[in-house]
Amino acid sequence: MPASPERQLTLSAAPAFHLPDLSGLPGGVVVSPEREVRLETTCFDTPDLRLARWGLSLLHRDHQWTLAIPDRSGVPATELRFEGGAERPPDEAVALVRAYARGAALEPVARMSSWSRRVALADASGRRLGEVVDDEISVLDGGRVVARYREVEIDLERGSDALLRPLRDRLRRAGAGKADPMPVCLRALGPAARAEPDVVVPKLPPEPIAGDVVRAALAAGVELVLRYDPLVRIGGDPEHVHQARVGTRRLRSHLRTFRSLLDREWAAGLRDELGWLAGELGAVRDGEVLHDRLLVRIAALPAVDEAPAAALAESLAATVATARARLLEAMSTQRYFDLLERLVAAAAEPRLTEAAASPASTVLLGVVRAPWRDLRRAVRALGEHPADEELHRVRILAKRVRYAAEAAAPALGGDAARFGKLAAAVQTELGEHQDSITMQAWLRGAANGRRRAFVAGELTAMEAVQAQAARDRWPAAWQRLDQRKARAWLTR
């Protein structure tokens, strides 16, 4: 299993830099004498540097593997460590990057030699707090040095975060500066590591055709699914599952919205497989939303109801854990990796019809009008007191309008973007209503035992109030979306 990410900060340093005296740190920190070590580092990647091109780095150094995973901006945000020898990457690390490698072998692609000066930090009892490492790094091509780097790294154990600032300040006063955010492996690989990944969201030309917009929309959805794949596997942040699910939802919506511009059979088959993945992600995401919602409601209960309320929360957490295990199992199947291959191909070359060669400005208005008409027709058909299922249907249709308008906005301009935001507001209000209805249904099913039933009744009553509030709010959001000024661009 991966080690817990540690608190780190890396600074750059000039060749003449010297580690300053680190004694006198707050909290009675004990500073050990400087220790010098020679270390060899090997970077692993596919032959075509798929990991590097996505901003990931996998290296072995000092009997330890390090995997750095970037956030959406490309800056390394998650670092995991694994024990093991240098012969081959550990299975746990390989599993986390399999969505990028997709069958390609991971092999050595760069070698570096480092002269490290290390200063260990401990508390008065001898407990390790971390260390400061001054690295002089040489990039090797055979026996030849082709590049050199100098870095100073603060590496703290969990719970020692308070030392980060005083250490940083002292190193900066000694001459250390802001480091290059790119991992050293990626720098060692040179320009090839900065090439585009296998999924790129293309910029639209000044006068795009409809196919340009379709390609960009599909690529953006695929990029989300792939970007969050390793983060979903690691777990710990519900937002990662949410973003991956958004990617699948957008893709399914685009394949439906742009169906007149796509090969029907190709789009339908891809949409069906995305429905399978969306279902697995959705089971986890919906459970996490309900669990977070339940904890908020429980906090408002009297203390006497804490025990049965906690039992309800534990029951829901167990359901989420089961759904997550099922998701990870699905993401380890050949079916999943076959889907990723199809998505990568779709992002690069979707199967377009002849109509996709027409100017985007003339084609996309009709593409957005279709889901808008479906939504407007559904809202007009609502009675004075619509059923929960009817409002849920309106929410789904509002989401389709939102995604269609957002996809078309780069070609059609600000009116489409604003329309998408107004549709998103309708979706949000009705989403709150649907979450409340789902929560009530779960509580009724979980209310076994008299005490738990009583507490579940209290919580259901709270949710009923929230559902009614959302019912009262959504018509105002709809009026803003349906006003003539907001939708005038659709009729031009």
Protein backbone atom coordinates (compact mmCIF):
# COMPACT_ATOMS: atom_id res chain seq x y z
CA MET A 1 0.00 0.00 0.00
CA PRO A 2 1.20 3.54 -0.67
CA ALA A 3 2.65 5.54 2.15
CA SER A 4 0.79 8.64 3.30
CA PRO A 5 1.77 11.80 1.41
CA GLU A 6 4.19 13.84 3.51
CA ARG A 7 4.34 17.61 3.87
CA GLN A 8 6.95 18.85 1.41
CA LEU A 9 8.32 22.03 -0.08
CA THR A 10 11.01 22.20 -2.76
CA LEU A 11 13.14 25.29 -3.39
CA SER A 12 15.72 26.00 -6.07
CA ALA A 13 19.33 26.78 -5.22
CA ALA A 14 22.37 28.19 -7.01
CA PRO A 15 25.61 26.17 -7.30
CA ALA A 16 27.23 28.23 -4.50
CA PHE A 17 24.35 27.64 -2.03
CA HIS A 18 25.18 26.31 1.46
CA LEU A 19 22.69 24.91 3.95
CA PRO A 20 22.28 27.44 6.77
CA ASP A 21 22.44 26.63 10.48
CA LEU A 22 19.03 25.18 11.37
CA SER A 23 19.43 25.24 15.15
CA GLY A 24 17.05 27.29 17.27
CA LEU A 25 13.86 26.23 15.49
CA PRO A 26 10.65 26.64 17.55
CA GLY A 27 9.52 23.78 19.77
CA GLY A 28 12.97 22.64 20.83
CA VAL A 29 13.72 20.86 17.56
CA VAL A 30 16.90 18.79 17.67
CA VAL A 31 18.98 19.16 14.49
CA SER A 32 21.31 16.29 13.61
CA PRO A 33 24.74 16.80 12.01
CA GLU A 34 24.75 17.03 8.22
CA ARG A 35 24.98 13.63 6.50
CA GLU A 36 26.19 13.22 2.91
CA VAL A 37 24.76 10.51 0.64
CA ARG A 38 25.21 9.56 -3.00
CA LEU A 39 21.89 8.50 -4.55
CA GLU A 40 20.94 7.11 -7.94
CA THR A 41 17.51 7.91 -9.38
CA THR A 42 15.75 6.15 -12.24
CA CYS A 43 12.64 7.56 -13.91
CA PHE A 44 10.15 5.12 -15.42
CA ASP A 45 7.63 5.77 -18.17
CA THR A 46 6.27 4.27 -21.36
CA PRO A 47 8.58 4.53 -24.41
CA ASP A 48 6.46 7.42 -25.75
CA LEU A 49 6.41 9.16 -22.31
CA ARG A 50 2.67 8.93 -21.75
CA LEU A 51 2.98 9.58 -18.01
CA ALA A 52 5.21 12.61 -18.47
CA ARG A 53 2.94 14.09 -21.11
CA TRP A 54 0.07 13.92 -18.61
CA GLY A 55 2.30 15.56 -15.99
CA LEU A 56 2.95 12.42 -13.90
CA SER A 57 6.34 11.16 -12.80
CA LEU A 58 7.34 7.75 -11.43
CA LEU A 59 10.85 7.36 -10.04
CA HIS A 60 12.91 5.04 -7.89
CA ARG A 61 15.43 6.44 -5.44
CA ASP A 62 16.99 5.22 -2.20
CA HIS A 63 14.97 1.94 -2.00
CA GLN A 64 11.74 3.85 -2.51
CA TRP A 65 9.35 4.60 -5.37
CA THR A 66 7.66 8.01 -5.70
CA LEU A 67 4.63 8.70 -7.88
CA ALA A 68 3.70 12.37 -8.41
CA ILE A 69 0.21 13.11 -9.78
CA PRO A 70 -0.78 16.62 -10.89
CA ASP A 71 -4.04 18.49 -10.35
CA ARG A 72 -6.02 19.85 -13.32
CA SER A 73 -3.67 22.82 -13.65
CA GLY A 74 -0.74 20.46 -14.20
CA VAL A 75 0.98 21.21 -10.88
CA PRO A 76 1.96 18.09 -8.86
CA ALA A 77 -0.57 17.93 -6.03
CA THR A 78 -0.45 14.31 -4.85
CA GLU A 79 2.72 12.39 -4.06
CA LEU A 80 2.66 8.73 -3.07
CA ARG A 81 5.52 6.56 -1.89
CA PHE A 82 6.01 2.82 -2.14
CA GLU A 83 8.72 0.53 -0.86
CA GLY A 84 10.51 -1.76 -3.28
CA GLY A 85 13.55 -2.56 -5.34
CA ALA A 86 14.54 -0.80 -8.55
CA GLU A 87 13.96 -3.75 -10.91
CA ARG A 88 10.30 -3.03 -11.66
CA PRO A 89 7.64 -0.61 -10.43
CA PRO A 90 5.41 -1.98 -7.65
CA ASP A 91 2.02 -3.28 -8.69
CA GLU A 92 0.23 -0.62 -6.61
CA ALA A 93 1.92 2.19 -8.57
CA VAL A 94 1.35 0.47 -11.92
CA ALA A 95 -2.36 0.14 -11.15
CA LEU A 96 -2.62 3.88 -10.46
CA VAL A 97 -1.21 4.83 -13.89
CA ARG A 98 -2.70 2.04 -15.98
CA ALA A 99 -5.28 4.39 -17.51
CA TYR A 100 -2.40 6.28 -19.13
CA ALA A 101 -0.12 3.35 -19.99
CA ARG A 102 -3.01 1.19 -21.26
CA GLY A 103 -0.87 -1.86 -21.94
CA ALA A 104 2.42 -0.12 -22.76
CA ALA A 105 5.36 -1.27 -20.65
CA LEU A 106 6.89 0.98 -17.99
CA GLU A 107 10.65 1.09 -18.43
CA PRO A 108 13.62 3.28 -17.46
CA VAL A 109 13.62 6.51 -19.50
CA ALA A 110 16.07 8.73 -17.55
CA ARG A 111 18.81 8.29 -14.97
CA MET A 112 20.16 10.81 -12.49
CA SER A 113 22.91 10.84 -9.91
CA SER A 114 22.52 13.02 -6.80
CA TRP A 115 24.92 14.20 -4.13
CA SER A 116 22.64 14.80 -1.13
CA ARG A 117 23.36 16.61 2.10
CA ARG A 118 20.75 15.65 4.67
CA VAL A 119 19.87 17.18 8.02
CA ALA A 120 17.42 15.18 10.15
CA LEU A 121 14.97 16.89 12.52
CA ALA A 122 13.58 15.35 15.73
CA ASP A 123 11.83 16.43 18.88
CA ALA A 124 13.35 16.25 22.36
CA SER A 125 12.22 12.63 22.76
CA GLY A 126 13.96 11.61 19.54
CA ARG A 127 10.78 11.25 17.48
CA ARG A 128 11.46 11.99 13.81
CA LEU A 129 9.90 15.24 12.55
CA GLY A 130 11.38 15.27 9.05
CA GLU A 131 14.51 16.34 7.25
CA VAL A 132 16.00 19.00 5.00
CA VAL A 133 17.78 17.71 1.89
CA ASP A 134 20.17 19.69 -0.30
CA ASP A 135 20.43 17.89 -3.65
CA GLU A 136 22.92 18.41 -6.46
CA ILE A 137 21.40 16.44 -9.34
CA SER A 138 23.21 15.35 -12.50
CA VAL A 139 21.20 14.02 -15.45
CA LEU A 140 23.12 11.22 -17.16
CA ASP A 141 23.24 9.97 -20.72
CA GLY A 142 25.30 6.85 -20.32
CA GLY A 143 28.36 8.12 -18.43
CA ARG A 144 27.97 11.71 -19.66
CA VAL A 145 26.38 14.52 -17.64
CA VAL A 146 23.88 16.36 -19.87
CA ALA A 147 22.24 18.65 -17.28
CA ARG A 148 22.51 19.70 -13.63
CA TYR A 149 19.97 20.90 -11.07
CA ARG A 150 20.24 22.07 -7.46
CA GLU A 151 17.25 21.79 -5.14
CA VAL A 152 16.58 22.03 -1.42
CA GLU A 153 13.66 20.00 -0.12
CA ILE A 154 11.83 20.25 3.19
CA ASP A 155 10.29 16.86 3.92
CA LEU A 156 8.13 16.79 7.07
CA GLU A 157 6.25 13.99 8.74
CA ARG A 158 2.52 14.32 9.28
CA GLY A 159 1.83 16.52 12.32
CA SER A 160 5.00 18.60 11.89
CA ASP A 161 3.44 21.21 9.59
CA ALA A 162 4.26 24.09 11.94
CA LEU A 163 7.93 23.72 11.04
CA LEU A 164 7.34 24.39 7.35
CA ARG A 165 7.29 28.19 7.49
CA PRO A 166 10.32 28.77 9.76
CA LEU A 167 12.36 26.29 7.70
CA ARG A 168 11.28 27.91 4.45
CA ASP A 169 12.12 31.40 5.72
CA ARG A 170 15.56 30.35 6.90
CA LEU A 171 16.40 28.64 3.60
CA ARG A 172 15.23 31.64 1.61
CA ARG A 173 17.39 33.99 3.65
CA ALA A 174 20.31 31.73 2.77
CA GLY A 175 19.60 32.19 -0.94
CA ALA A 176 17.15 29.43 -1.91
CA GLY A 177 14.38 30.50 -4.25
CA LYS A 178 11.13 29.37 -5.82
CA ALA A 179 11.50 25.97 -7.45
CA ASP A 180 10.42 24.86 -10.88
CA PRO A 181 7.05 23.12 -10.21
CA MET A 182 7.85 20.49 -12.83
CA PRO A 183 9.12 17.25 -11.23
CA VAL A 184 12.82 16.68 -11.80
CA CYS A 185 12.13 13.53 -13.84
CA LEU A 186 10.10 15.55 -16.32
CA ARG A 187 12.86 18.16 -16.57
CA ALA A 188 15.44 15.44 -17.10
CA LEU A 189 13.43 14.09 -20.04
CA GLY A 190 13.59 17.43 -21.82
CA PRO A 191 11.14 18.80 -24.44
CA ALA A 192 9.67 15.36 -25.20
CA ALA A 193 8.13 15.28 -21.70
CA ARG A 194 6.34 18.56 -22.42
CA ALA A 195 4.66 17.29 -25.57
CA GLU A 196 0.88 17.11 -25.62
CA PRO A 197 -0.80 14.10 -23.98
CA ASP A 198 -2.88 11.70 -26.02
CA VAL A 199 -6.03 13.71 -25.25
CA VAL A 200 -5.96 17.43 -25.98
CA VAL A 201 -8.88 19.87 -25.97
CA PRO A 202 -8.30 21.74 -29.24
CA LYS A 203 -8.66 25.50 -29.51
CA LEU A 204 -11.36 26.53 -31.95
CA PRO A 205 -10.29 28.38 -35.10
CA PRO A 206 -11.72 31.90 -35.72
CA GLU A 207 -14.52 30.47 -37.88
CA PRO A 208 -15.08 26.92 -36.64
CA ILE A 209 -17.13 24.29 -38.36
CA ALA A 210 -19.59 22.26 -36.31
CA GLY A 211 -17.17 19.33 -36.19
CA ASP A 212 -14.56 21.50 -34.46
CA VAL A 213 -17.01 22.19 -31.63
CA VAL A 214 -18.01 18.53 -31.33
CA ARG A 215 -14.38 17.42 -31.20
CA ALA A 216 -13.53 20.00 -28.50
CA ALA A 217 -16.57 19.06 -26.41
CA LEU A 218 -15.82 15.33 -26.53
CA ALA A 219 -12.13 15.87 -25.80
CA ALA A 220 -12.96 17.97 -22.73
CA GLY A 221 -15.12 15.16 -21.33
CA VAL A 222 -12.52 12.49 -22.02
CA GLU A 223 -9.83 14.65 -20.43
CA LEU A 224 -11.88 14.79 -17.22
CA VAL A 225 -12.31 11.02 -17.08
CA LEU A 226 -8.60 10.36 -17.61
CA ARG A 227 -7.32 13.19 -15.41
CA TYR A 228 -9.24 11.93 -12.39
CA ASP A 229 -8.74 8.18 -12.93
CA PRO A 230 -5.72 7.81 -10.57
CA LEU A 231 -7.24 10.20 -8.02
CA VAL A 232 -10.46 8.17 -7.93
CA ARG A 233 -8.38 5.05 -7.30
CA ILE A 234 -6.49 6.70 -4.43
CA GLY A 235 -9.71 7.89 -2.78
CA GLY A 236 -10.11 10.29 0.11
CA ASP A 237 -11.64 13.23 -1.78
CA PRO A 238 -15.27 12.93 -2.98
CA GLU A 239 -14.64 15.71 -5.51
CA HIS A 240 -12.50 13.35 -7.59
CA VAL A 241 -15.35 10.89 -8.11
CA HIS A 242 -17.64 13.84 -8.81
CA GLN A 243 -15.37 15.22 -11.54
CA ALA A 244 -14.96 11.83 -13.21
CA ARG A 245 -18.72 11.41 -13.16
CA VAL A 246 -19.19 14.89 -14.63
CA GLY A 247 -16.91 13.81 -17.46
CA THR A 248 -19.06 10.76 -18.24
CA ARG A 249 -22.27 12.78 -17.96
CA ARG A 250 -21.03 15.48 -20.29
CA LEU A 251 -19.88 12.91 -22.80
CA ARG A 252 -23.21 11.08 -22.78
CA SER A 253 -25.06 14.39 -23.13
CA HIS A 254 -22.84 15.51 -26.02
CA LEU A 255 -23.26 12.20 -27.84
CA ARG A 256 -27.00 12.71 -27.58
CA THR A 257 -27.11 16.45 -28.31
CA PHE A 258 -24.78 16.22 -31.31
CA ARG A 259 -26.28 13.00 -32.67
CA SER A 260 -27.18 14.68 -36.01
CA LEU A 261 -23.46 15.41 -36.48
CA LEU A 262 -22.20 11.96 -35.45
CA ASP A 263 -22.42 8.47 -36.84
CA ARG A 264 -25.51 7.17 -35.04
CA GLU A 265 -24.36 3.60 -34.40
CA TRP A 266 -20.90 4.69 -33.23
CA ALA A 267 -22.30 7.33 -30.88
CA ALA A 268 -24.99 5.02 -29.47
CA GLY A 269 -22.49 2.26 -28.69
CA LEU A 270 -20.10 4.65 -26.96
CA ARG A 271 -22.95 6.25 -25.03
CA ASP A 272 -24.12 2.86 -23.77
CA GLU A 273 -20.67 1.95 -22.45
CA LEU A 274 -20.37 5.37 -20.81
CA GLY A 275 -23.72 4.67 -19.15
CA TRP A 276 -22.19 1.61 -17.50
CA LEU A 277 -19.24 3.64 -16.15
CA ALA A 278 -21.47 6.55 -15.13
CA GLY A 279 -23.62 4.12 -13.15
CA GLU A 280 -20.64 2.79 -11.21
CA LEU A 281 -19.35 6.31 -10.48
CA GLY A 282 -22.86 7.50 -9.66
CA ALA A 283 -23.43 4.85 -7.01
CA VAL A 284 -20.39 6.15 -5.12
CA ARG A 285 -21.06 9.83 -5.72
CA ASP A 286 -24.75 9.66 -4.78
CA GLY A 287 -23.89 7.77 -1.61
CA GLU A 288 -21.22 10.32 -0.67
CA VAL A 289 -23.65 13.20 -1.24
CA LEU A 290 -26.26 11.53 0.95
CA HIS A 291 -23.71 10.76 3.66
CA ASP A 292 -22.48 14.36 3.79
CA ARG A 293 -26.08 15.56 3.81
CA LEU A 294 -26.96 13.18 6.62
CA LEU A 295 -24.07 14.41 8.78
CA VAL A 296 -25.28 18.01 8.39
CA ARG A 297 -28.81 17.06 9.46
CA ILE A 298 -27.57 14.93 12.37
CA ALA A 299 -25.64 17.90 13.76
CA ALA A 300 -28.97 19.66 14.32
CA LEU A 301 -30.46 16.81 16.42
CA PRO A 302 -30.59 16.88 20.23
CA ALA A 303 -27.82 15.03 22.06
CA VAL A 304 -30.20 12.27 23.18
CA ASP A 305 -30.53 11.15 19.55
CA GLU A 306 -26.80 11.01 18.80
CA ALA A 307 -26.38 7.24 19.15
CA PRO A 308 -29.16 6.10 16.77
CA ALA A 309 -28.20 8.90 14.38
CA ALA A 310 -24.59 7.69 14.36
CA ALA A 311 -25.84 4.18 13.58
CA LEU A 312 -27.69 5.56 10.56
CA ALA A 313 -24.55 7.36 9.37
CA GLU A 314 -22.45 4.20 9.81
CA SER A 315 -24.97 2.21 7.79
CA LEU A 316 -24.83 4.71 4.93
CA ALA A 317 -21.01 4.84 5.09
CA ALA A 318 -20.93 1.05 4.72
CA THR A 319 -23.13 1.34 1.63
CA VAL A 320 -20.74 3.90 0.13
CA ALA A 321 -17.75 1.65 0.90
CA THR A 322 -19.43 -1.26 -0.90
CA ALA A 323 -20.18 0.94 -3.92
CA ARG A 324 -16.58 2.16 -3.98
CA ALA A 325 -15.22 -1.39 -3.91
CA ARG A 326 -17.49 -2.24 -6.83
CA LEU A 327 -16.32 0.88 -8.72
CA LEU A 328 -12.64 0.00 -8.27
CA GLU A 329 -13.35 -3.54 -9.42
CA ALA A 330 -15.06 -2.18 -12.54
CA MET A 331 -12.10 0.15 -13.19
CA SER A 332 -9.78 -2.86 -13.15
CA THR A 333 -11.60 -4.79 -15.87
CA GLN A 334 -10.64 -5.07 -19.52
CA ARG A 335 -14.04 -3.60 -20.34
CA TYR A 336 -13.01 -0.36 -18.65
CA PHE A 337 -9.66 -0.12 -20.44
CA ASP A 338 -11.29 -0.93 -23.77
CA LEU A 339 -13.66 1.97 -23.09
CA LEU A 340 -10.72 4.28 -22.38
CA GLU A 341 -9.15 3.34 -25.71
CA ARG A 342 -12.42 4.15 -27.47
CA LEU A 343 -12.66 7.47 -25.64
CA VAL A 344 -9.10 8.47 -26.56
CA ALA A 345 -9.88 7.67 -30.21
CA ALA A 346 -13.16 9.60 -29.99
CA ALA A 347 -11.40 12.67 -28.61
CA ALA A 348 -8.92 12.65 -31.50
CA GLU A 349 -11.19 11.66 -34.39
CA PRO A 350 -14.92 11.41 -33.65
CA ARG A 351 -16.97 9.80 -36.41
CA LEU A 352 -18.62 12.86 -37.89
CA THR A 353 -21.32 13.15 -40.56
CA GLU A 354 -21.22 15.45 -43.57
CA ALA A 355 -23.34 17.97 -41.66
CA ALA A 356 -20.44 18.51 -39.25
CA ALA A 357 -18.52 20.26 -42.05
CA SER A 358 -21.03 23.15 -42.02
CA PRO A 359 -20.21 26.41 -40.20
CA ALA A 360 -20.77 26.09 -36.47
CA SER A 361 -22.71 29.36 -36.37
CA THR A 362 -25.43 27.94 -38.64
CA VAL A 363 -25.61 24.40 -37.25
CA LEU A 364 -25.29 24.76 -33.48
CA LEU A 365 -28.29 27.00 -32.90
CA GLY A 366 -30.51 24.13 -33.99
CA VAL A 367 -28.53 21.68 -31.89
CA VAL A 368 -29.16 23.75 -28.74
CA ARG A 369 -32.77 24.53 -29.64
CA ALA A 370 -33.71 20.84 -29.57
CA PRO A 371 -33.00 20.17 -25.85
CA TRP A 372 -34.34 23.64 -25.02
CA ARG A 373 -37.67 22.82 -26.65
CA ASP A 374 -37.79 19.50 -24.78
CA LEU A 375 -37.20 21.33 -21.50
CA ARG A 376 -39.74 24.06 -22.18
CA ARG A 377 -42.38 21.53 -23.23
CA ALA A 378 -41.81 19.51 -20.05
CA VAL A 379 -42.09 22.57 -17.80
CA ARG A 380 -45.28 23.76 -19.51
CA ALA A 381 -46.80 20.30 -19.01
CA LEU A 382 -46.32 20.44 -15.23
CA GLY A 383 -49.41 20.75 -13.13
CA GLU A 384 -49.82 23.05 -10.14
CA HIS A 385 -48.34 20.41 -7.84
CA PRO A 386 -45.91 18.35 -9.97
CA ALA A 387 -44.82 14.93 -8.80
CA ASP A 388 -41.26 14.43 -7.61
CA GLU A 389 -40.56 12.26 -10.66
CA GLU A 390 -41.71 15.06 -12.97
CA LEU A 391 -39.36 17.56 -11.35
CA HIS A 392 -36.52 15.06 -11.58
CA ARG A 393 -37.23 14.75 -15.32
CA VAL A 394 -37.11 18.55 -15.67
CA ARG A 395 -33.77 18.58 -13.89
CA ILE A 396 -32.31 16.07 -16.36
CA LEU A 397 -33.58 18.13 -19.30
CA ALA A 398 -32.15 21.34 -17.78
CA LYS A 399 -28.79 19.60 -17.47
CA ARG A 400 -28.88 18.69 -21.18
CA VAL A 401 -29.64 22.31 -22.08
CA ARG A 402 -26.77 23.47 -19.88
CA TYR A 403 -24.24 21.08 -21.41
CA ALA A 404 -25.39 21.89 -24.95
CA ALA A 405 -25.15 25.65 -24.38
CA GLU A 406 -21.75 25.34 -22.69
CA ALA A 407 -20.40 23.20 -25.53
CA ALA A 408 -21.67 25.68 -28.15
CA ALA A 409 -20.58 28.82 -26.27
CA PRO A 410 -17.00 28.96 -27.66
CA ALA A 411 -18.49 29.23 -31.17
CA LEU A 412 -21.74 31.11 -30.45
CA GLY A 413 -20.50 33.57 -27.86
CA GLY A 414 -21.51 35.05 -24.52
CA ASP A 415 -25.27 34.67 -24.95
CA ALA A 416 -24.89 30.88 -25.07
CA ALA A 417 -22.56 30.93 -22.05
CA ARG A 418 -25.01 33.01 -20.00
CA PHE A 419 -27.87 30.74 -21.06
CA GLY A 420 -25.86 27.75 -19.84
CA LYS A 421 -25.41 29.40 -16.45
CA LEU A 422 -29.14 30.06 -16.14
CA ALA A 423 -29.88 26.44 -17.03
CA ALA A 424 -27.33 25.38 -14.42
CA ALA A 425 -29.25 27.40 -11.79
CA VAL A 426 -32.44 25.47 -12.61
CA GLN A 427 -30.49 22.21 -12.44
CA THR A 428 -29.02 23.17 -9.06
CA GLU A 429 -32.37 23.98 -7.44
CA LEU A 430 -33.98 20.81 -8.72
CA GLY A 431 -30.87 18.86 -7.77
CA GLU A 432 -31.32 20.02 -4.18
CA HIS A 433 -34.92 18.84 -4.37
CA GLN A 434 -33.93 15.45 -5.77
CA ASP A 435 -31.19 14.95 -3.15
CA SER A 436 -33.73 15.63 -0.43
CA ILE A 437 -36.26 13.20 -1.90
CA THR A 438 -33.56 10.52 -2.23
CA MET A 439 -32.48 11.13 1.36
CA GLN A 440 -36.02 10.73 2.60
CA ALA A 441 -36.43 7.45 0.72
CA TRP A 442 -33.17 6.10 2.18
CA LEU A 443 -34.18 7.10 5.72
CA ARG A 444 -37.50 5.31 5.41
CA GLY A 445 -35.71 2.16 4.27
CA ALA A 446 -33.13 2.41 7.08
CA ALA A 447 -35.62 3.00 9.89
CA ASN A 448 -35.52 -0.44 11.53
CA GLY A 449 -35.94 -0.45 15.29
CA ARG A 450 -38.13 1.98 17.25
CA ARG A 451 -35.38 4.38 18.30
CA ARG A 452 -33.78 4.54 14.87
CA ALA A 453 -37.24 4.92 13.33
CA PHE A 454 -37.91 7.92 15.56
CA VAL A 455 -34.61 9.58 14.62
CA ALA A 456 -35.12 8.74 10.96
CA GLY A 457 -38.52 10.43 11.23
CA GLU A 458 -36.91 13.55 12.67
CA LEU A 459 -34.40 13.64 9.85
CA THR A 460 -37.07 12.98 7.24
CA ALA A 461 -39.06 15.92 8.55
CA MET A 462 -35.99 18.14 8.11
CA GLU A 463 -35.58 16.89 4.57
CA ALA A 464 -39.24 17.52 3.79
CA VAL A 465 -38.72 21.16 4.73
CA GLN A 466 -35.66 21.35 2.46
CA ALA A 467 -37.49 19.69 -0.43
CA GLN A 468 -40.37 22.15 -0.15
CA ALA A 469 -37.95 25.07 -0.05
CA ALA A 470 -36.34 23.83 -3.28
CA ARG A 471 -39.80 23.43 -4.83
CA ASP A 472 -40.55 27.03 -3.91
CA ARG A 473 -37.26 28.32 -5.35
CA TRP A 474 -36.94 26.56 -8.68
CA PRO A 475 -39.73 28.44 -10.53
CA ALA A 476 -37.78 31.70 -10.07
CA ALA A 477 -34.70 30.10 -11.63
CA TRP A 478 -36.88 28.85 -14.48
CA GLN A 479 -38.34 32.31 -15.09
CA ARG A 480 -34.84 33.75 -15.44
CA LEU A 481 -33.96 31.06 -17.98
CA ASP A 482 -37.23 31.42 -19.91
CA GLN A 483 -37.29 35.22 -20.14
CA ARG A 484 -37.29 36.56 -23.67
CA LYS A 485 -33.98 38.39 -23.22
CA ALA A 486 -32.16 35.22 -22.16
CA ARG A 487 -33.41 33.05 -25.03
CA ALA A 488 -33.52 35.60 -27.85
CA TRP A 489 -30.20 34.37 -29.26
CA LEU A 490 -31.78 30.98 -30.00
CA THR A 491 -34.19 32.51 -32.52
CA ARG A 492 -31.76 34.54 -34.58
